Amino acid sequence: STARIDAALPMMVCLDLGHRNQSLSGAPEADPYEWIREYGRFSPLIHIQQCNSSGSHHWPFTPEYNAKGDIEPEKVLKAIAESGAEHEMLLALEIRHRAYYPDEDNLEDNIRRSVGYWRQWVTDLDLESDFGEDLVQSASGDADAARVVEGNRHATQG
């Protein structure tokens, strides 16, 4: 029940909000926020995607998908605080598109819009990235809201 940080090969949990137990509706492990409260103290990383109890959809955080999904930034951050985590927590967008037309053309815009959406709640961002200098305008017009990683753009096409 504790993370093995001191092990020869440190092992920690990566929580993925889309991989919660979706077969037991109403069970604590089906609630993404309860899951974070229970296991957040063991995890330095949470994959965030817009999804719902019907599947791990990897949807972006856009008005269309926010209406279908059940992941709310305020609740995610509150659950992290309630988890007892005393370490830095990385929230990694896990947005996936099919690797062919027309979906692939929406990837960058959906990343921008998702970052702009989360930026409302996560304001202490270090935007200096080791991943490249392609500065992207967010959906909200914030010039520094996101950096697009060139490799990630092409990784979705393969």
Protein backbone atom coordinates (compact mmCIF):
# COMPACT_ATOMS: atom_id res chain seq x y z
CA SER A 1 0.00 0.00 0.00
CA THR A 2 2.99 2.34 -0.30
CA ALA A 3 4.89 3.42 -3.37
CA ARG A 4 8.27 1.73 -3.71
CA ILE A 5 10.28 4.89 -4.27
CA ASP A 6 13.24 3.41 -2.38
CA ALA A 7 13.36 0.20 -4.46
CA ALA A 8 16.24 -0.58 -6.83
CA LEU A 9 13.76 0.12 -9.62
CA PRO A 10 11.28 2.67 -8.23
CA MET A 11 7.68 1.76 -9.03
CA MET A 12 4.85 4.28 -8.88
CA VAL A 13 1.28 4.38 -10.12
CA CYS A 14 0.14 6.34 -13.17
CA LEU A 15 -3.53 7.15 -12.83
CA ASP A 16 -5.47 7.36 -16.06
CA LEU A 17 -8.92 8.86 -15.62
CA GLY A 18 -10.22 6.90 -18.59
CA HIS A 19 -9.15 3.54 -17.18
CA ARG A 20 -11.20 3.58 -14.03
CA ASN A 21 -13.52 0.64 -13.48
CA GLN A 22 -16.38 1.31 -15.86
CA SER A 23 -18.19 -1.97 -15.38
CA LEU A 24 -19.31 -1.31 -11.79
CA SER A 25 -21.47 1.78 -12.04
CA GLY A 26 -21.76 3.43 -8.65
CA ALA A 27 -18.74 1.62 -7.17
CA PRO A 28 -16.03 3.85 -5.65
CA GLU A 29 -13.49 2.73 -8.23
CA ALA A 30 -15.83 3.86 -11.01
CA ASP A 31 -15.69 7.45 -9.72
CA PRO A 32 -12.60 9.20 -11.18
CA TYR A 33 -12.43 11.64 -8.28
CA GLU A 34 -12.65 8.92 -5.63
CA TRP A 35 -9.93 7.08 -7.51
CA ILE A 36 -7.66 10.16 -7.32
CA ARG A 37 -8.45 10.66 -3.62
CA GLU A 38 -7.57 7.02 -2.90
CA TYR A 39 -4.43 6.63 -5.04
CA GLY A 40 -3.20 10.16 -5.75
CA ARG A 41 -0.66 10.01 -2.95
CA PHE A 42 1.06 7.13 -4.78
CA SER A 43 1.05 8.72 -8.22
CA PRO A 44 3.24 11.48 -9.63
CA LEU A 45 1.30 11.39 -12.92
CA ILE A 46 -2.35 11.55 -13.96
CA HIS A 47 -3.39 11.10 -17.57
CA ILE A 48 -6.24 13.49 -18.19
CA GLN A 49 -8.66 13.03 -21.01
CA GLN A 50 -12.28 13.90 -21.44
CA CYS A 51 -14.18 10.65 -21.09
CA ASN A 52 -17.20 9.17 -19.38
CA SER A 53 -18.29 5.93 -17.79
CA SER A 54 -18.87 4.32 -21.19
CA GLY A 55 -15.20 4.30 -22.16
CA SER A 56 -11.69 5.69 -22.26
CA HIS A 57 -12.38 7.93 -25.25
CA HIS A 58 -9.32 10.22 -25.14
CA TRP A 59 -11.56 13.14 -26.08
CA PRO A 60 -10.24 16.70 -25.99
CA PHE A 61 -11.53 19.25 -23.48
CA THR A 62 -13.72 21.20 -25.89
CA PRO A 63 -17.35 22.31 -25.42
CA GLU A 64 -18.63 19.45 -27.59
CA TYR A 65 -16.80 16.75 -25.62
CA ASN A 66 -17.11 18.43 -22.21
CA ALA A 67 -20.88 18.06 -22.65
CA LYS A 68 -20.46 14.29 -23.22
CA GLY A 69 -17.71 13.69 -20.67
CA ASP A 70 -17.59 13.71 -16.89
CA ILE A 71 -14.08 15.03 -16.15
CA GLU A 72 -14.13 18.45 -14.48
CA PRO A 73 -10.84 20.22 -13.68
CA GLU A 74 -12.08 21.72 -10.39
CA LYS A 75 -13.03 18.27 -9.12
CA VAL A 76 -9.73 16.74 -10.30
CA LEU A 77 -7.68 19.37 -8.46
CA LYS A 78 -9.83 19.10 -5.33
CA ALA A 79 -9.42 15.30 -5.34
CA ILE A 80 -5.63 15.66 -5.67
CA ALA A 81 -5.59 17.99 -2.67
CA GLU A 82 -7.73 15.54 -0.69
CA SER A 83 -5.51 12.57 -1.62
CA GLY A 84 -2.76 13.56 0.77
CA ALA A 85 -0.23 13.79 -2.05
CA GLU A 86 2.85 15.66 -0.87
CA HIS A 87 4.69 15.54 -4.18
CA GLU A 88 4.46 17.39 -7.46
CA MET A 89 1.73 15.97 -9.68
CA LEU A 90 2.03 15.99 -13.47
CA LEU A 91 -1.26 16.24 -15.34
CA ALA A 92 -0.63 14.92 -18.85
CA LEU A 93 -3.20 15.46 -21.58
CA GLU A 94 -3.97 12.14 -23.24
CA ILE A 95 -5.85 13.18 -26.35
CA ARG A 96 -5.94 10.78 -29.26
CA HIS A 97 -7.28 11.07 -32.78
CA ARG A 98 -7.49 8.62 -35.57
CA ALA A 99 -4.37 8.92 -37.69
CA TYR A 100 -6.11 9.79 -40.92
CA TYR A 101 -8.22 12.50 -42.48
CA PRO A 102 -10.28 14.33 -41.26
CA ASP A 103 -9.48 13.70 -37.57
CA GLU A 104 -5.73 14.27 -37.79
CA ASP A 105 -6.29 17.84 -38.95
CA ASN A 106 -8.06 18.65 -35.67
CA LEU A 107 -5.34 17.43 -33.31
CA GLU A 108 -3.38 20.66 -32.87
CA ASP A 109 -6.50 22.76 -32.46
CA ASN A 110 -7.93 20.33 -29.92
CA ILE A 111 -4.66 20.37 -27.94
CA ARG A 112 -4.69 24.19 -27.95
CA ARG A 113 -8.30 24.30 -26.85
CA SER A 114 -7.76 21.68 -24.15
CA VAL A 115 -4.75 23.51 -22.73
CA GLY A 116 -6.70 26.76 -22.80
CA TYR A 117 -9.57 25.08 -20.95
CA TRP A 118 -7.32 23.59 -18.23
CA ARG A 119 -5.40 26.84 -17.94
CA GLN A 120 -8.43 28.33 -16.19
CA TRP A 121 -7.69 26.07 -13.21
CA VAL A 122 -3.99 25.29 -13.51
CA THR A 123 -2.27 28.65 -13.56
CA ASP A 124 1.17 27.82 -12.17
CA LEU A 125 2.52 26.35 -15.38
CA ASP A 126 6.16 26.24 -16.37
CA LEU A 127 5.86 26.69 -20.10
CA GLU A 128 9.57 26.52 -20.78
CA SER A 129 9.69 23.17 -22.47
CA ASP A 130 12.50 20.88 -23.50
CA PHE A 131 10.31 19.71 -26.35
CA GLY A 132 10.56 22.50 -28.87
CA GLU A 133 9.88 26.10 -29.65
CA ASP A 134 6.61 25.86 -31.60
CA LEU A 135 4.55 28.31 -29.60
CA VAL A 136 0.87 27.85 -30.21
CA GLN A 137 -2.01 30.21 -29.56
CA SER A 138 -4.57 28.70 -27.23
CA ALA A 139 -8.27 28.80 -27.93
CA SER A 140 -8.52 31.65 -25.44
CA GLY A 141 -5.91 33.67 -27.34
CA ASP A 142 -3.20 33.17 -24.73
CA ALA A 143 0.01 33.17 -26.74
CA ASP A 144 1.89 31.25 -24.08
CA ALA A 145 -0.78 28.71 -23.21
CA ALA A 146 0.76 25.71 -24.94
CA ARG A 147 3.76 24.30 -26.68
CA VAL A 148 3.18 21.73 -29.36
CA VAL A 149 5.65 18.91 -29.41
CA GLU A 150 6.53 18.19 -33.02
CA GLY A 151 7.15 14.51 -32.29
CA ASN A 152 3.73 14.11 -30.68
CA ARG A 153 2.08 15.58 -33.74
CA HIS A 154 3.64 12.95 -35.96
CA ALA A 155 3.32 10.10 -33.45
CA THR A 156 -0.45 10.20 -33.90
CA GLN A 157 -0.08 9.59 -37.59
CA GLY A 158 1.70 6.26 -37.29
